[in-house]
PDB file of N, CA and C in Angstrom:
ATOM      1  N   UNK A   1      58.244 232.755 134.326  1.00  0.00           N
ATOM      2  CA  UNK A   1      59.554 232.233 134.015  1.00  0.00           C
ATOM      3  C   UNK A   1      60.376 233.309 133.291  1.00  0.00           C
ATOM      4  N   UNK A   2      61.665 233.293 133.517  1.00  0.00           N
ATOM      5  CA  UNK A   2      62.561 234.254 132.875  1.00  0.00           C
ATOM      6  C   UNK A   2      63.601 233.490 132.075  1.00  0.00           C
ATOM      7  N   UNK A   3      63.771 233.871 130.839  1.00  0.00           N
ATOM      8  CA  UNK A   3      64.796 233.294 129.977  1.00  0.00           C
ATOM      9  C   UNK A   3      65.439 234.463 129.239  1.00  0.00           C
ATOM     10  N   UNK A   4      66.432 235.074 129.851  1.00  0.00           N
ATOM     11  CA  UNK A   4      67.078 236.239 129.266  1.00  0.00           C
ATOM     12  C   UNK A   4      68.588 236.096 129.385  1.00  0.00           C
ATOM     13  N   UNK A   5      69.272 236.339 128.280  1.00  0.00           N
ATOM     14  CA  UNK A   5      70.722 236.235 128.201  1.00  0.00           C
ATOM     15  C   UNK A   5      71.280 237.575 127.738  1.00  0.00           C
ATOM     16  N   UNK A   6      72.344 238.038 128.374  1.00  0.00           N
ATOM     17  CA  UNK A   6      73.066 239.228 127.921  1.00  0.00           C
ATOM     18  C   UNK A   6      74.542 238.855 127.874  1.00  0.00           C
ATOM     19  N   UNK A   7      75.150 239.007 126.698  1.00  0.00           N
ATOM     20  CA  UNK A   7      76.557 238.656 126.498  1.00  0.00           C
ATOM     21  C   UNK A   7      77.283 239.799 125.809  1.00  0.00           C
ATOM     22  N   UNK A   8      78.548 239.979 126.151  1.00  0.00           N
ATOM     23  CA  UNK A   8      79.425 240.890 125.422  1.00  0.00           C
ATOM     24  C   UNK A   8      80.676 240.094 125.082  1.00  0.00           C
ATOM     25  N   UNK A   9      81.019 240.080 123.797  1.00  0.00           N
ATOM     26  CA  UNK A   9      82.187 239.332 123.376  1.00  0.00           C
ATOM     27  C   UNK A   9      82.625 239.734 121.978  1.00  0.00           C
ATOM     28  N   UNK A  10      83.626 239.023 121.480  1.00  0.00           N
ATOM     29  CA  UNK A  10      84.153 239.272 120.132  1.00  0.00           C
ATOM     30  C   UNK A  10      83.676 238.190 119.181  1.00  0.00           C
ATOM     31  N   UNK A  11      83.380 238.601 117.944  1.00  0.00           N
ATOM     32  CA  UNK A  11      83.011 237.631 116.923  1.00  0.00           C
ATOM     33  C   UNK A  11      84.226 236.783 116.558  1.00  0.00           C
ATOM     34  N   UNK A  12      84.042 235.481 116.468  1.00  0.00           N
ATOM     35  CA  UNK A  12      85.148 234.589 116.145  1.00  0.00           C
ATOM     36  C   UNK A  12      85.365 234.474 114.636  1.00  0.00           C
ATOM     37  N   UNK A  13      84.368 234.892 113.853  1.00  0.00           N
ATOM     38  CA  UNK A  13      84.464 234.893 112.390  1.00  0.00           C
ATOM     39  C   UNK A  13      83.414 235.851 111.857  1.00  0.00           C
ATOM     40  N   UNK A  14      83.482 236.160 110.580  1.00  0.00           N
ATOM     41  CA  UNK A  14      82.487 237.037 109.971  1.00  0.00           C
ATOM     42  C   UNK A  14      81.092 236.403 110.100  1.00  0.00           C
ATOM     43  N   UNK A  15      80.052 237.225 110.284  1.00  0.00           N
ATOM     44  CA  UNK A  15      78.692 236.680 110.354  1.00  0.00           C
ATOM     45  C   UNK A  15      78.339 235.945 109.061  1.00  0.00           C
ATOM     46  N   UNK A  16      77.619 234.848 109.211  1.00  0.00           N
ATOM     47  CA  UNK A  16      77.168 234.065 108.067  1.00  0.00           C
ATOM     48  C   UNK A  16      75.675 234.320 107.889  1.00  0.00           C
ATOM     49  N   UNK A  17      75.298 235.015 106.814  1.00  0.00           N
ATOM     50  CA  UNK A  17      73.885 235.321 106.589  1.00  0.00           C
ATOM     51  C   UNK A  17      73.336 234.419 105.493  1.00  0.00           C
ATOM     52  N   UNK A  18      72.088 234.025 105.676  1.00  0.00           N
ATOM     53  CA  UNK A  18      71.371 233.246 104.666  1.00  0.00           C
ATOM     54  C   UNK A  18      69.911 233.676 104.730  1.00  0.00           C
ATOM     55  N   UNK A  19      69.119 233.162 103.830  1.00  0.00           N
ATOM     56  CA  UNK A  19      67.713 233.534 103.778  1.00  0.00           C
ATOM     57  C   UNK A  19      66.861 232.278 103.800  1.00  0.00           C
ATOM     58  N   UNK A  20      65.781 232.316 104.580  1.00  0.00           N
ATOM     59  CA  UNK A  20      64.870 231.174 104.652  1.00  0.00           C
ATOM     60  C   UNK A  20      64.081 231.094 103.353  1.00  0.00           C
ATOM     61  N   UNK A  21      63.305 230.031 103.197  1.00  0.00           N
ATOM     62  CA  UNK A  21      62.468 229.873 102.004  1.00  0.00           C
ATOM     63  C   UNK A  21      61.462 231.020 101.880  1.00  0.00           C
ATOM     64  N   UNK A  22      61.073 231.596 103.000  1.00  0.00           N
ATOM     65  CA  UNK A  22      60.147 232.728 103.006  1.00  0.00           C
ATOM     66  C   UNK A  22      60.850 234.057 102.762  1.00  0.00           C
ATOM     67  N   UNK A  23      62.180 234.037 102.662  1.00  0.00           N
ATOM     68  CA  UNK A  23      62.945 235.258 102.415  1.00  0.00           C
ATOM     69  C   UNK A  23      63.394 235.992 103.658  1.00  0.00           C
ATOM     70  N   UNK A  24      63.203 235.399 104.827  1.00  0.00           N
ATOM     71  CA  UNK A  24      63.618 236.055 106.074  1.00  0.00           C
ATOM     72  C   UNK A  24      65.122 235.882 106.264  1.00  0.00           C
ATOM     73  N   UNK A  25      65.847 236.992 106.485  1.00  0.00           N
ATOM     74  CA  UNK A  25      67.286 236.887 106.732  1.00  0.00           C
ATOM     75  C   UNK A  25      67.572 236.291 108.114  1.00  0.00           C
ATOM     76  N   UNK A  26      68.594 235.444 108.173  1.00  0.00           N
ATOM     77  CA  UNK A  26      69.037 234.872 109.439  1.00  0.00           C
ATOM     78  C   UNK A  26      70.563 234.790 109.393  1.00  0.00           C
ATOM     79  N   UNK A  27      71.206 235.219 110.469  1.00  0.00           N
ATOM     80  CA  UNK A  27      72.666 235.191 110.542  1.00  0.00           C
ATOM     81  C   UNK A  27      73.080 234.357 111.748  1.00  0.00           C
ATOM     82  N   UNK A  28      74.147 233.615 111.567  1.00  0.00           N
ATOM     83  CA  UNK A  28      74.738 232.853 112.670  1.00  0.00           C
ATOM     84  C   UNK A  28      76.061 233.502 113.028  1.00  0.00           C
ATOM     85  N   UNK A  29      76.235 233.743 114.324  1.00  0.00           N
ATOM     86  CA  UNK A  29      77.486 234.309 114.812  1.00  0.00           C
ATOM     87  C   UNK A  29      77.945 233.484 116.008  1.00  0.00           C
ATOM     88  N   UNK A  30      79.245 233.516 116.253  1.00  0.00           N
ATOM     89  CA  UNK A  30      79.803 232.885 117.447  1.00  0.00           C
ATOM     90  C   UNK A  30      80.562 233.950 118.216  1.00  0.00           C
ATOM     91  N   UNK A  31      80.225 234.082 119.496  1.00  0.00           N
ATOM     92  CA  UNK A  31      80.875 235.060 120.366  1.00  0.00           C
ATOM     93  C   UNK A  31      81.892 234.376 121.266  1.00  0.00           C
ATOM     94  N   UNK A  32      83.070 234.956 121.354  1.00  0.00           N
ATOM     95  CA  UNK A  32      84.068 234.533 122.327  1.00  0.00           C
ATOM     96  C   UNK A  32      83.876 235.409 123.561  1.00  0.00           C
ATOM     97  N   UNK A  33      83.489 234.782 124.659  1.00  0.00           N
ATOM     98  CA  UNK A  33      83.177 235.504 125.893  1.00  0.00           C
ATOM     99  C   UNK A  33      84.105 235.005 126.993  1.00  0.00           C
ATOM    100  N   UNK A  34      84.919 235.901 127.524  1.00  0.00           N
ATOM    101  CA  UNK A  34      85.854 235.530 128.591  1.00  0.00           C
ATOM    102  C   UNK A  34      85.110 235.381 129.910  1.00  0.00           C
ATOM    103  N   UNK A  35      85.506 234.389 130.677  1.00  0.00           N
ATOM    104  CA  UNK A  35      84.936 234.208 132.011  1.00  0.00           C
ATOM    105  C   UNK A  35      85.544 235.251 132.942  1.00  0.00           C
ATOM    106  N   UNK A  36      84.857 235.569 134.032  1.00  0.00           N
ATOM    107  CA  UNK A  36      85.348 236.623 134.925  1.00  0.00           C
ATOM    108  C   UNK A  36      86.104 236.069 136.125  1.00  0.00           C
ATOM    109  N   UNK A  37      86.683 234.881 135.962  1.00  0.00           N
ATOM    110  CA  UNK A  37      87.513 234.302 137.012  1.00  0.00           C
ATOM    111  C   UNK A  37      88.612 233.466 136.359  1.00  0.00           C
ATOM    112  N   UNK A  38      89.638 233.159 137.130  1.00  0.00           N
ATOM    113  CA  UNK A  38      90.750 232.361 136.620  1.00  0.00           C
ATOM    114  C   UNK A  38      90.595 230.905 137.055  1.00  0.00           C
ATOM    115  N   UNK A  39      91.081 229.996 136.216  1.00  0.00           N
ATOM    116  CA  UNK A  39      91.033 228.575 136.571  1.00  0.00           C
ATOM    117  C   UNK A  39      92.184 228.243 137.519  1.00  0.00           C
ATOM    118  N   UNK A  40      92.349 226.977 137.853  1.00  0.00           N
ATOM    119  CA  UNK A  40      93.369 226.577 138.816  1.00  0.00           C
ATOM    120  C   UNK A  40      94.786 226.836 138.317  1.00  0.00           C
ATOM    121  N   UNK A  41      94.955 226.988 136.991  1.00  0.00           N
ATOM    122  CA  UNK A  41      96.276 227.287 136.420  1.00  0.00           C
ATOM    123  C   UNK A  41      96.519 228.793 136.331  1.00  0.00           C
ATOM    124  N   UNK A  42      95.549 229.588 136.801  1.00  0.00           N
ATOM    125  CA  UNK A  42      95.698 231.036 136.778  1.00  0.00           C
ATOM    126  C   UNK A  42      95.361 231.674 135.442  1.00  0.00           C
ATOM    127  N   UNK A  43      94.670 230.934 134.569  1.00  0.00           N
ATOM    128  CA  UNK A  43      94.319 231.455 133.247  1.00  0.00           C
ATOM    129  C   UNK A  43      92.830 231.781 133.184  1.00  0.00           C
ATOM    130  N   UNK A  44      92.506 232.776 132.376  1.00  0.00           N
ATOM    131  CA  UNK A  44      91.105 233.107 132.133  1.00  0.00           C
ATOM    132  C   UNK A  44      90.637 232.295 130.930  1.00  0.00           C
ATOM    133  N   UNK A  45      89.595 231.498 131.119  1.00  0.00           N
ATOM    134  CA  UNK A  45      89.066 230.677 130.045  1.00  0.00           C
ATOM    135  C   UNK A  45      88.027 231.457 129.244  1.00  0.00           C
ATOM    136  N   UNK A  46      87.749 230.982 128.052  1.00  0.00           N
ATOM    137  CA  UNK A  46      86.804 231.636 127.150  1.00  0.00           C
ATOM    138  C   UNK A  46      85.736 230.645 126.725  1.00  0.00           C
ATOM    139  N   UNK A  47      84.497 231.103 126.707  1.00  0.00           N
ATOM    140  CA  UNK A  47      83.392 230.302 126.186  1.00  0.00           C
ATOM    141  C   UNK A  47      83.069 230.790 124.777  1.00  0.00           C
ATOM    142  N   UNK A  48      82.717 229.874 123.903  1.00  0.00           N
ATOM    143  CA  UNK A  48      82.346 230.203 122.534  1.00  0.00           C
ATOM    144  C   UNK A  48      80.859 229.909 122.387  1.00  0.00           C
ATOM    145  N   UNK A  49      80.066 230.963 122.246  1.00  0.00           N
ATOM    146  CA  UNK A  49      78.614 230.865 122.295  1.00  0.00           C
ATOM    147  C   UNK A  49      78.034 231.098 120.910  1.00  0.00           C
ATOM    148  N   UNK A  50      77.260 230.110 120.427  1.00  0.00           N
ATOM    149  CA  UNK A  50      76.584 230.249 119.138  1.00  0.00           C
ATOM    150  C   UNK A  50      75.317 231.065 119.314  1.00  0.00           C
ATOM    151  N   UNK A  51      75.118 232.026 118.396  1.00  0.00           N
ATOM    152  CA  UNK A  51      73.950 232.893 118.445  1.00  0.00           C
ATOM    153  C   UNK A  51      73.292 232.923 117.069  1.00  0.00           C
ATOM    154  N   UNK A  52      71.968 233.038 117.065  1.00  0.00           N
ATOM    155  CA  UNK A  52      71.198 233.178 115.839  1.00  0.00           C
ATOM    156  C   UNK A  52      70.503 234.532 115.880  1.00  0.00           C
ATOM    157  N   UNK A  53      70.630 235.270 114.782  1.00  0.00           N
ATOM    158  CA  UNK A  53      70.075 236.619 114.688  1.00  0.00           C
ATOM    159  C   UNK A  53      69.127 236.650 113.487  1.00  0.00           C
ATOM    160  N   UNK A  54      67.960 237.243 113.652  1.00  0.00           N
ATOM    161  CA  UNK A  54      66.943 237.235 112.604  1.00  0.00           C
ATOM    162  C   UNK A  54      66.665 238.627 112.028  1.00  0.00           C
ATOM    163  N   UNK A  55      66.119 238.642 110.841  1.00  0.00           N
ATOM    164  CA  UNK A  55      65.550 239.779 110.122  1.00  0.00           C
ATOM    165  C   UNK A  55      66.519 240.954 109.971  1.00  0.00           C
ATOM    166  N   UNK A  56      66.050 242.151 110.219  1.00  0.00           N
ATOM    167  CA  UNK A  56      66.846 243.362 109.988  1.00  0.00           C
ATOM    168  C   UNK A  56      68.126 243.352 110.824  1.00  0.00           C
ATOM    169  N   UNK A  57      68.021 242.844 112.043  1.00  0.00           N
ATOM    170  CA  UNK A  57      69.203 242.773 112.904  1.00  0.00           C
ATOM    171  C   UNK A  57      70.258 241.862 112.290  1.00  0.00           C
ATOM    172  N   UNK A  58      69.833 240.787 111.648  1.00  0.00           N
ATOM    173  CA  UNK A  58      70.767 239.875 110.971  1.00  0.00           C
ATOM    174  C   UNK A  58      71.478 240.593 109.830  1.00  0.00           C
ATOM    175  N   UNK A  59      70.727 241.343 109.026  1.00  0.00           N
ATOM    176  CA  UNK A  59      71.332 242.067 107.901  1.00  0.00           C
ATOM    177  C   UNK A  59      72.316 243.119 108.393  1.00  0.00           C
ATOM    178  N   UNK A  60      71.939 243.874 109.414  1.00  0.00           N
ATOM    179  CA  UNK A  60      72.833 244.904 109.945  1.00  0.00           C
ATOM    180  C   UNK A  60      74.100 244.289 110.529  1.00  0.00           C
ATOM    181  N   UNK A  61      73.957 243.185 111.240  1.00  0.00           N
ATOM    182  CA  UNK A  61      75.121 242.520 111.826  1.00  0.00           C
ATOM    183  C   UNK A  61      76.059 242.036 110.723  1.00  0.00           C
ATOM    184  N   UNK A  62      75.503 241.443 109.674  1.00  0.00           N
ATOM    185  CA  UNK A  62      76.330 240.947 108.569  1.00  0.00           C
ATOM    186  C   UNK A  62      77.003 242.092 107.812  1.00  0.00           C
ATOM    187  N   UNK A  63      76.325 243.229 107.713  1.00  0.00           N
ATOM    188  CA  UNK A  63      76.868 244.370 106.964  1.00  0.00           C
ATOM    189  C   UNK A  63      77.918 245.158 107.736  1.00  0.00           C
ATOM    190  N   UNK A  64      77.812 245.227 109.043  1.00  0.00           N
ATOM    191  CA  UNK A  64      78.655 246.142 109.809  1.00  0.00           C
ATOM    192  C   UNK A  64      79.612 245.480 110.799  1.00  0.00           C
ATOM    193  N   UNK A  65      79.581 244.170 110.914  1.00  0.00           N
ATOM    194  CA  UNK A  65      80.472 243.491 111.851  1.00  0.00           C
ATOM    195  C   UNK A  65      81.358 242.493 111.121  1.00  0.00           C
ATOM    196  N   UNK A  66      82.546 242.309 111.629  1.00  0.00           N
ATOM    197  CA  UNK A  66      83.514 241.362 111.078  1.00  0.00           C
ATOM    198  C   UNK A  66      84.171 240.598 112.222  1.00  0.00           C
ATOM    199  N   UNK A  67      84.949 239.603 111.874  1.00  0.00           N
ATOM    200  CA  UNK A  67      85.698 238.844 112.860  1.00  0.00           C
ATOM    201  C   UNK A  67      86.456 239.825 113.765  1.00  0.00           C
ATOM    202  N   UNK A  68      86.348 239.629 115.072  1.00  0.00           N
ATOM    203  CA  UNK A  68      87.029 240.488 116.030  1.00  0.00           C
ATOM    204  C   UNK A  68      86.197 241.648 116.535  1.00  0.00           C
ATOM    205  N   UNK A  69      85.065 241.946 115.884  1.00  0.00           N
ATOM    206  CA  UNK A  69      84.199 243.032 116.347  1.00  0.00           C
ATOM    207  C   UNK A  69      83.653 242.701 117.729  1.00  0.00           C
ATOM    208  N   UNK A  70      83.580 243.714 118.581  1.00  0.00           N
ATOM    209  CA  UNK A  70      82.981 243.540 119.907  1.00  0.00           C
ATOM    210  C   UNK A  70      81.496 243.873 119.789  1.00  0.00           C
ATOM    211  N   UNK A  71      80.650 242.927 120.213  1.00  0.00           N
ATOM    212  CA  UNK A  71      79.208 243.137 120.161  1.00  0.00           C
ATOM    213  C   UNK A  71      78.576 242.723 121.482  1.00  0.00           C
ATOM    214  N   UNK A  72      77.455 243.353 121.772  1.00  0.00           N
ATOM    215  CA  UNK A  72      76.625 242.960 122.900  1.00  0.00           C
ATOM    216  C   UNK A  72      75.372 242.308 122.353  1.00  0.00           C
ATOM    217  N   UNK A  73      75.018 241.165 122.876  1.00  0.00           N
ATOM    218  CA  UNK A  73      73.849 240.422 122.409  1.00  0.00           C
ATOM    219  C   UNK A  73      72.906 240.229 123.579  1.00  0.00           C
ATOM    220  N   UNK A  74      71.639 240.532 123.367  1.00  0.00           N
ATOM    221  CA  UNK A  74      70.626 240.173 124.358  1.00  0.00           C
ATOM    222  C   UNK A  74      69.589 239.310 123.653  1.00  0.00           C
ATOM    223  N   UNK A  75      69.120 238.305 124.367  1.00  0.00           N
ATOM    224  CA  UNK A  75      68.167 237.384 123.766  1.00  0.00           C
ATOM    225  C   UNK A  75      67.778 236.309 124.745  1.00  0.00           C
ATOM    226  N   UNK A  76      67.457 235.139 124.203  1.00  0.00           N
ATOM    227  CA  UNK A  76      67.008 234.031 125.033  1.00  0.00           C
ATOM    228  C   UNK A  76      67.774 232.762 124.687  1.00  0.00           C
ATOM    229  N   UNK A  77      67.893 231.876 125.637  1.00  0.00           N
ATOM    230  CA  UNK A  77      68.537 230.590 125.431  1.00  0.00           C
ATOM    231  C   UNK A  77      67.501 229.631 124.854  1.00  0.00           C
ATOM    232  N   UNK A  78      67.899 228.887 123.819  1.00  0.00           N
ATOM    233  CA  UNK A  78      66.967 227.975 123.169  1.00  0.00           C
ATOM    234  C   UNK A  78      67.678 226.655 122.871  1.00  0.00           C
ATOM    235  N   UNK A  79      66.978 225.563 123.079  1.00  0.00           N
ATOM    236  CA  UNK A  79      67.502 224.237 122.772  1.00  0.00           C
ATOM    237  C   UNK A  79      66.603 223.606 121.726  1.00  0.00           C
ATOM    238  N   UNK A  80      67.234 222.979 120.727  1.00  0.00           N
ATOM    239  CA  UNK A  80      66.481 222.280 119.685  1.00  0.00           C
ATOM    240  C   UNK A  80      67.229 220.998 119.351  1.00  0.00           C
ATOM    241  N   UNK A  81      66.577 220.129 118.610  1.00  0.00           N
ATOM    242  CA  UNK A  81      67.231 218.886 118.202  1.00  0.00           C
ATOM    243  C   UNK A  81      66.805 218.532 116.789  1.00  0.00           C
ATOM    244  N   UNK A  82      67.641 217.729 116.146  1.00  0.00           N
ATOM    245  CA  UNK A  82      67.345 217.222 114.819  1.00  0.00           C
ATOM    246  C   UNK A  82      68.081 215.902 114.625  1.00  0.00           C
ATOM    247  N   UNK A  83      67.664 215.132 113.631  1.00  0.00           N
ATOM    248  CA  UNK A  83      68.346 213.883 113.295  1.00  0.00           C
ATOM    249  C   UNK A  83      69.298 214.149 112.149  1.00  0.00           C
ATOM    250  N   UNK A  84      70.579 213.814 112.329  1.00  0.00           N
ATOM    251  CA  UNK A  84      71.575 214.051 111.283  1.00  0.00           C
ATOM    252  C   UNK A  84      71.502 212.959 110.215  1.00  0.00           C
ATOM    253  N   UNK A  85      72.407 213.013 109.236  1.00  0.00           N
ATOM    254  CA  UNK A  85      72.398 212.079 108.109  1.00  0.00           C
ATOM    255  C   UNK A  85      72.575 210.628 108.554  1.00  0.00           C
ATOM    256  N   UNK A  86      73.266 210.401 109.678  1.00  0.00           N
ATOM    257  CA  UNK A  86      73.470 209.043 110.190  1.00  0.00           C
ATOM    258  C   UNK A  86      72.297 208.562 111.041  1.00  0.00           C
ATOM    259  N   UNK A  87      71.291 209.415 111.219  1.00  0.00           N
ATOM    260  CA  UNK A  87      70.134 209.045 112.023  1.00  0.00           C
ATOM    261  C   UNK A  87      70.311 209.268 113.512  1.00  0.00           C
ATOM    262  N   UNK A  88      71.376 209.949 113.898  1.00  0.00           N
ATOM    263  CA  UNK A  88      71.645 210.242 115.303  1.00  0.00           C
ATOM    264  C   UNK A  88      70.985 211.568 115.680  1.00  0.00           C
ATOM    265  N   UNK A  89      70.363 211.590 116.841  1.00  0.00           N
ATOM    266  CA  UNK A  89      69.741 212.829 117.312  1.00  0.00           C
ATOM    267  C   UNK A  89      70.830 213.771 117.804  1.00  0.00           C
ATOM    268  N   UNK A  90      70.807 215.016 117.295  1.00  0.00           N
ATOM    269  CA  UNK A  90      71.779 216.042 117.658  1.00  0.00           C
ATOM    270  C   UNK A  90      71.040 217.144 118.417  1.00  0.00           C
ATOM    271  N   UNK A  91      71.559 217.531 119.568  1.00  0.00           N
ATOM    272  CA  UNK A  91      70.972 218.600 120.372  1.00  0.00           C
ATOM    273  C   UNK A  91      71.817 219.858 120.224  1.00  0.00           C
ATOM    274  N   UNK A  92      71.151 220.982 120.043  1.00  0.00           N
ATOM    275  CA  UNK A  92      71.822 222.261 119.854  1.00  0.00           C
ATOM    276  C   UNK A  92      71.276 223.243 120.889  1.00  0.00           C
ATOM    277  N   UNK A  93      72.184 223.898 121.615  1.00  0.00           N
ATOM    278  CA  UNK A  93      71.791 224.974 122.522  1.00  0.00           C
ATOM    279  C   UNK A  93      72.419 226.251 122.000  1.00  0.00           C
ATOM    280  N   UNK A  94      71.606 227.287 121.824  1.00  0.00           N
ATOM    281  CA  UNK A  94      72.080 228.541 121.241  1.00  0.00           C
ATOM    282  C   UNK A  94      71.324 229.712 121.841  1.00  0.00           C
ATOM    283  N   UNK A  95      71.857 230.895 121.615  1.00  0.00           N
ATOM    284  CA  UNK A  95      71.177 232.123 122.009  1.00  0.00           C
ATOM    285  C   UNK A  95      70.463 232.663 120.780  1.00  0.00           C
ATOM    286  N   UNK A  96      69.168 232.899 120.905  1.00  0.00           N
ATOM    287  CA  UNK A  96      68.412 233.557 119.838  1.00  0.00           C
ATOM    288  C   UNK A  96      68.358 235.034 120.218  1.00  0.00           C
ATOM    289  N   UNK A  97      69.030 235.851 119.421  1.00  0.00           N
ATOM    290  CA  UNK A  97      69.212 237.259 119.769  1.00  0.00           C
ATOM    291  C   UNK A  97      67.961 238.083 119.472  1.00  0.00           C
ATOM    292  N   UNK A  98      67.593 238.927 120.437  1.00  0.00           N
ATOM    293  CA  UNK A  98      66.559 239.929 120.217  1.00  0.00           C
ATOM    294  C   UNK A  98      67.193 241.214 119.699  1.00  0.00           C
ATOM    295  N   UNK A  99      68.411 241.506 120.175  1.00  0.00           N
ATOM    296  CA  UNK A  99      69.116 242.705 119.721  1.00  0.00           C
ATOM    297  C   UNK A  99      70.615 242.462 119.754  1.00  0.00           C
ATOM    298  N   UNK A 100      71.304 243.176 118.867  1.00  0.00           N
ATOM    299  CA  UNK A 100      72.761 243.137 118.807  1.00  0.00           C
ATOM    300  C   UNK A 100      73.241 244.578 118.832  1.00  0.00           C
ATOM    301  N   UNK A 101      74.104 244.891 119.771  1.00  0.00           N
ATOM    302  CA  UNK A 101      74.659 246.238 119.880  1.00  0.00           C
ATOM    303  C   UNK A 101      76.108 246.208 119.430  1.00  0.00           C
ATOM    304  N   UNK A 102      76.454 247.072 118.474  1.00  0.00           N
ATOM    305  CA  UNK A 102      77.821 247.144 117.962  1.00  0.00           C
ATOM    306  C   UNK A 102      78.637 248.008 118.910  1.00  0.00           C
ATOM    307  N   UNK A 103      79.679 247.438 119.508  1.00  0.00           N
ATOM    308  CA  UNK A 103      80.411 248.126 120.554  1.00  0.00           C
ATOM    309  C   UNK A 103      81.831 248.508 120.159  1.00  0.00           C
ATOM    310  N   UNK A 104      82.262 248.124 118.961  1.00  0.00           N
ATOM    311  CA  UNK A 104      83.586 248.538 118.490  1.00  0.00           C
ATOM    312  C   UNK A 104      83.411 249.406 117.259  1.00  0.00           C
ATOM    313  N   UNK A 105      84.470 250.125 116.910  1.00  0.00           N
ATOM    314  CA  UNK A 105      84.388 251.002 115.747  1.00  0.00           C
ATOM    315  C   UNK A 105      84.250 250.171 114.482  1.00  0.00           C
ATOM    316  N   UNK A 106      83.821 250.824 113.410  1.00  0.00           N
ATOM    317  CA  UNK A 106      83.616 250.149 112.142  1.00  0.00           C
ATOM    318  C   UNK A 106      84.933 249.576 111.627  1.00  0.00           C
ATOM    319  N   UNK A 107      84.941 248.294 111.209  1.00  0.00           N
ATOM    320  CA  UNK A 107      86.180 247.699 110.690  1.00  0.00           C
ATOM    321  C   UNK A 107      86.743 248.482 109.510  1.00  0.00           C
ATOM    322  N   UNK A 108      88.053 248.521 109.409  1.00  0.00           N
ATOM    323  CA  UNK A 108      88.754 249.301 108.386  1.00  0.00           C
ATOM    324  C   UNK A 108      88.271 248.980 106.969  1.00  0.00           C
ATOM    325  N   UNK A 109      88.062 247.688 106.653  1.00  0.00           N
ATOM    326  CA  UNK A 109      87.656 247.347 105.288  1.00  0.00           C
ATOM    327  C   UNK A 109      86.286 247.897 104.940  1.00  0.00           C
ATOM    328  N   UNK A 110      85.399 248.086 105.939  1.00  0.00           N
ATOM    329  CA  UNK A 110      84.097 248.696 105.665  1.00  0.00           C
ATOM    330  C   UNK A 110      84.232 250.189 105.427  1.00  0.00           C
ATOM    331  N   UNK A 111      85.131 250.850 106.140  1.00  0.00           N
ATOM    332  CA  UNK A 111      85.365 252.289 105.959  1.00  0.00           C
ATOM    333  C   UNK A 111      85.935 252.539 104.577  1.00  0.00           C
ATOM    334  N   UNK A 112      86.866 251.695 104.128  1.00  0.00           N
ATOM    335  CA  UNK A 112      87.514 251.877 102.833  1.00  0.00           C
ATOM    336  C   UNK A 112      86.551 251.637 101.674  1.00  0.00           C
ATOM    337  N   UNK A 113      85.487 250.848 101.883  1.00  0.00           N
ATOM    338  CA  UNK A 113      84.520 250.563 100.822  1.00  0.00           C
ATOM    339  C   UNK A 113      83.589 251.739 100.576  1.00  0.00           C
ATOM    340  N   UNK A 114      83.426 252.621 101.544  1.00  0.00           N
ATOM    341  CA  UNK A 114      82.466 253.735 101.409  1.00  0.00           C
ATOM    342  C   UNK A 114      82.985 254.859 100.559  1.00  0.00           C
TER     343      UNK A 114
END
C-alpha cells in the first residue's frame, strides 16, 4: 500500500508549536494549496490542508517560517477521531509531515532579529 502526499503551498498563519507531555515538539500548520484547474466560473479554487509536523522539523518550521511562507511538505495522510466536550465523535483528516522544505526567502522580521 502507498500513502504518500506531496504539497506545495503558502502558510495561512504562523506555525503553532507545542510540546507533548514527553517533551516532543509538535507544530500545526495549514497550507493554502491552489488547484491546477478552474471551476465553472473561471476561478482557481484553493484547498486549505491541515498538517502536523513533529520533532526537529517542527522546531525548524516554527523558527524559520511565517504566514505567507511557501513550503513543500511530504508525508502521509492520516485520519483520527475523538469525542468532543458535547460527546460527539469528531473525525480529523490531516497530513503528518515527514519533511518540510522551505521554498521562500527568510521573512523580513527574522532577518531583522539576527
